[in-house]
Amino acid sequence: MCFHYTAGREEKQQRHVKHAIHTDLASAYALNGEIERAAAELTEARGLSSDDRYSSLTRLRARRVHLVPKIRALFEATCDVGLRKAGMPEE
């Protein structure tokens, strides 16, 4: 899956984990053809976010600049495909 974890304060870590879980589930459900469940998870991730990172794939990708190109490519080939199917627009 697409789960990733960053170091920082506990509250920030918990918030990040919740976002990651919901976006990972959204992607996984969509890739499995469970579009309604995927859309619900994506809605949950968006609701937990204090910014617009989950409004489009372009915005989400902009937050991955710290990843090496090979890992970014893996996200785009797997997670982003699922998120697109879950209803996340490209722009």
C-alpha atoms as a PDB file:
ATOM      1  CA  MET A   1       0.000   0.000   0.000  1.00  0.00           C
ATOM      2  CA  CYS A   2       0.908   3.651  -0.006  1.00  0.00           C
ATOM      3  CA  PHE A   3       1.307   4.162   3.732  1.00  0.00           C
ATOM      4  CA  HIS A   4       4.192   6.321   4.797  1.00  0.00           C
ATOM      5  CA  TYR A   5       5.158   7.805   8.158  1.00  0.00           C
ATOM      6  CA  THR A   6       7.072  10.927   9.101  1.00  0.00           C
ATOM      7  CA  ALA A   7       8.778  11.890  12.335  1.00  0.00           C
ATOM      8  CA  GLY A   8       7.522  14.805  14.389  1.00  0.00           C
ATOM      9  CA  ARG A   9       5.278  15.626  17.262  1.00  0.00           C
ATOM     10  CA  GLU A  10       2.853  12.931  18.377  1.00  0.00           C
ATOM     11  CA  GLU A  11      -0.268  14.900  17.425  1.00  0.00           C
ATOM     12  CA  LYS A  12       1.135  15.644  13.984  1.00  0.00           C
ATOM     13  CA  GLN A  13       2.085  11.980  13.566  1.00  0.00           C
ATOM     14  CA  GLN A  14      -1.401  10.822  14.499  1.00  0.00           C
ATOM     15  CA  ARG A  15      -2.993  13.256  12.058  1.00  0.00           C
ATOM     16  CA  HIS A  16      -0.618  12.149   9.300  1.00  0.00           C
ATOM     17  CA  VAL A  17      -1.329   8.479   9.967  1.00  0.00           C
ATOM     18  CA  LYS A  18      -5.089   9.079   9.812  1.00  0.00           C
ATOM     19  CA  HIS A  19      -4.740  10.878   6.470  1.00  0.00           C
ATOM     20  CA  ALA A  20      -2.481   8.147   5.109  1.00  0.00           C
ATOM     21  CA  ILE A  21      -4.822   5.385   6.233  1.00  0.00           C
ATOM     22  CA  HIS A  22      -7.841   6.972   4.575  1.00  0.00           C
ATOM     23  CA  THR A  23      -6.048   7.764   1.322  1.00  0.00           C
ATOM     24  CA  ASP A  24      -4.490   4.287   1.241  1.00  0.00           C
ATOM     25  CA  LEU A  25      -7.911   2.721   1.790  1.00  0.00           C
ATOM     26  CA  ALA A  26      -9.453   4.969  -0.863  1.00  0.00           C
ATOM     27  CA  SER A  27      -6.837   3.874  -3.365  1.00  0.00           C
ATOM     28  CA  ALA A  28      -7.049   0.196  -2.430  1.00  0.00           C
ATOM     29  CA  TYR A  29     -10.853   0.076  -2.504  1.00  0.00           C
ATOM     30  CA  ALA A  30     -10.937   1.821  -5.882  1.00  0.00           C
ATOM     31  CA  LEU A  31      -8.339  -0.520  -7.358  1.00  0.00           C
ATOM     32  CA  ASN A  32     -10.507  -3.396  -6.093  1.00  0.00           C
ATOM     33  CA  GLY A  33     -13.577  -1.937  -7.815  1.00  0.00           C
ATOM     34  CA  GLU A  34     -15.245  -0.753  -4.591  1.00  0.00           C
ATOM     35  CA  ILE A  35     -15.760   2.800  -5.786  1.00  0.00           C
ATOM     36  CA  GLU A  36     -18.375   3.870  -3.222  1.00  0.00           C
ATOM     37  CA  ARG A  37     -16.174   2.775  -0.318  1.00  0.00           C
ATOM     38  CA  ALA A  38     -13.192   4.431  -1.982  1.00  0.00           C
ATOM     39  CA  ALA A  39     -15.062   7.708  -2.379  1.00  0.00           C
ATOM     40  CA  ALA A  40     -16.135   7.590   1.280  1.00  0.00           C
ATOM     41  CA  GLU A  41     -12.530   7.121   2.439  1.00  0.00           C
ATOM     42  CA  LEU A  42     -11.367   9.960   0.211  1.00  0.00           C
ATOM     43  CA  THR A  43     -14.079  12.189   1.671  1.00  0.00           C
ATOM     44  CA  GLU A  44     -12.896  11.245   5.165  1.00  0.00           C
ATOM     45  CA  ALA A  45      -9.283  12.134   4.323  1.00  0.00           C
ATOM     46  CA  ARG A  46     -10.383  15.470   2.906  1.00  0.00           C
ATOM     47  CA  GLY A  47     -12.413  16.175   6.024  1.00  0.00           C
ATOM     48  CA  LEU A  48      -9.439  15.529   8.283  1.00  0.00           C
ATOM     49  CA  SER A  49      -7.134  17.785   6.297  1.00  0.00           C
ATOM     50  CA  SER A  50      -6.693  21.435   7.193  1.00  0.00           C
ATOM     51  CA  ASP A  51      -5.501  22.250   3.674  1.00  0.00           C
ATOM     52  CA  ASP A  52      -6.422  21.276   0.118  1.00  0.00           C
ATOM     53  CA  ARG A  53      -3.811  18.587  -0.477  1.00  0.00           C
ATOM     54  CA  TYR A  54      -6.533  16.032  -1.279  1.00  0.00           C
ATOM     55  CA  SER A  55      -8.386  18.271  -3.726  1.00  0.00           C
ATOM     56  CA  SER A  56      -6.381  17.004  -6.707  1.00  0.00           C
ATOM     57  CA  LEU A  57      -3.582  14.660  -7.671  1.00  0.00           C
ATOM     58  CA  THR A  58      -1.492  17.665  -8.703  1.00  0.00           C
ATOM     59  CA  ARG A  59      -1.681  19.115  -5.180  1.00  0.00           C
ATOM     60  CA  LEU A  60      -0.990  15.752  -3.578  1.00  0.00           C
ATOM     61  CA  ARG A  61       2.032  15.152  -5.816  1.00  0.00           C
ATOM     62  CA  ALA A  62       3.412  18.579  -4.881  1.00  0.00           C
ATOM     63  CA  ARG A  63       3.721  17.294  -1.310  1.00  0.00           C
ATOM     64  CA  ARG A  64       5.890  14.376  -2.439  1.00  0.00           C
ATOM     65  CA  VAL A  65       8.858  16.433  -3.590  1.00  0.00           C
ATOM     66  CA  HIS A  66      10.989  14.963  -0.798  1.00  0.00           C
ATOM     67  CA  LEU A  67      10.677  11.461  -2.278  1.00  0.00           C
ATOM     68  CA  VAL A  68      13.257  10.070  -4.655  1.00  0.00           C
ATOM     69  CA  PRO A  69      12.038   9.823  -8.269  1.00  0.00           C
ATOM     70  CA  LYS A  70      11.700   6.041  -8.203  1.00  0.00           C
ATOM     71  CA  ILE A  71       9.385   6.151  -5.171  1.00  0.00           C
ATOM     72  CA  ARG A  72       7.351   9.021  -6.653  1.00  0.00           C
ATOM     73  CA  ALA A  73       6.925   6.925  -9.806  1.00  0.00           C
ATOM     74  CA  LEU A  74       5.649   3.999  -7.726  1.00  0.00           C
ATOM     75  CA  PHE A  75       3.088   6.262  -6.037  1.00  0.00           C
ATOM     76  CA  GLU A  76       1.926   7.516  -9.432  1.00  0.00           C
ATOM     77  CA  ALA A  77       1.704   3.998 -10.891  1.00  0.00           C
ATOM     78  CA  THR A  78      -0.299   2.571  -7.987  1.00  0.00           C
ATOM     79  CA  CYS A  79      -1.778   4.931  -5.415  1.00  0.00           C
ATOM     80  CA  ASP A  80      -2.603   7.723  -7.824  1.00  0.00           C
ATOM     81  CA  VAL A  81      -4.395   5.329 -10.164  1.00  0.00           C
ATOM     82  CA  GLY A  82      -6.625   4.252  -7.296  1.00  0.00           C
ATOM     83  CA  LEU A  83      -7.200   7.797  -6.072  1.00  0.00           C
ATOM     84  CA  ARG A  84      -8.191   8.853  -9.588  1.00  0.00           C
ATOM     85  CA  LYS A  85     -10.720   5.991  -9.689  1.00  0.00           C
ATOM     86  CA  ALA A  86     -11.957   7.064  -6.243  1.00  0.00           C
ATOM     87  CA  GLY A  87     -12.819  10.471  -7.700  1.00  0.00           C
ATOM     88  CA  MET A  88      -9.761  12.630  -7.132  1.00  0.00           C
ATOM     89  CA  PRO A  89      -9.319  14.899 -10.163  1.00  0.00           C
ATOM     90  CA  GLU A  90      -5.972  15.421 -11.857  1.00  0.00           C
ATOM     91  CA  GLU A  91      -6.080  19.228 -11.466  1.00  0.00           C
END
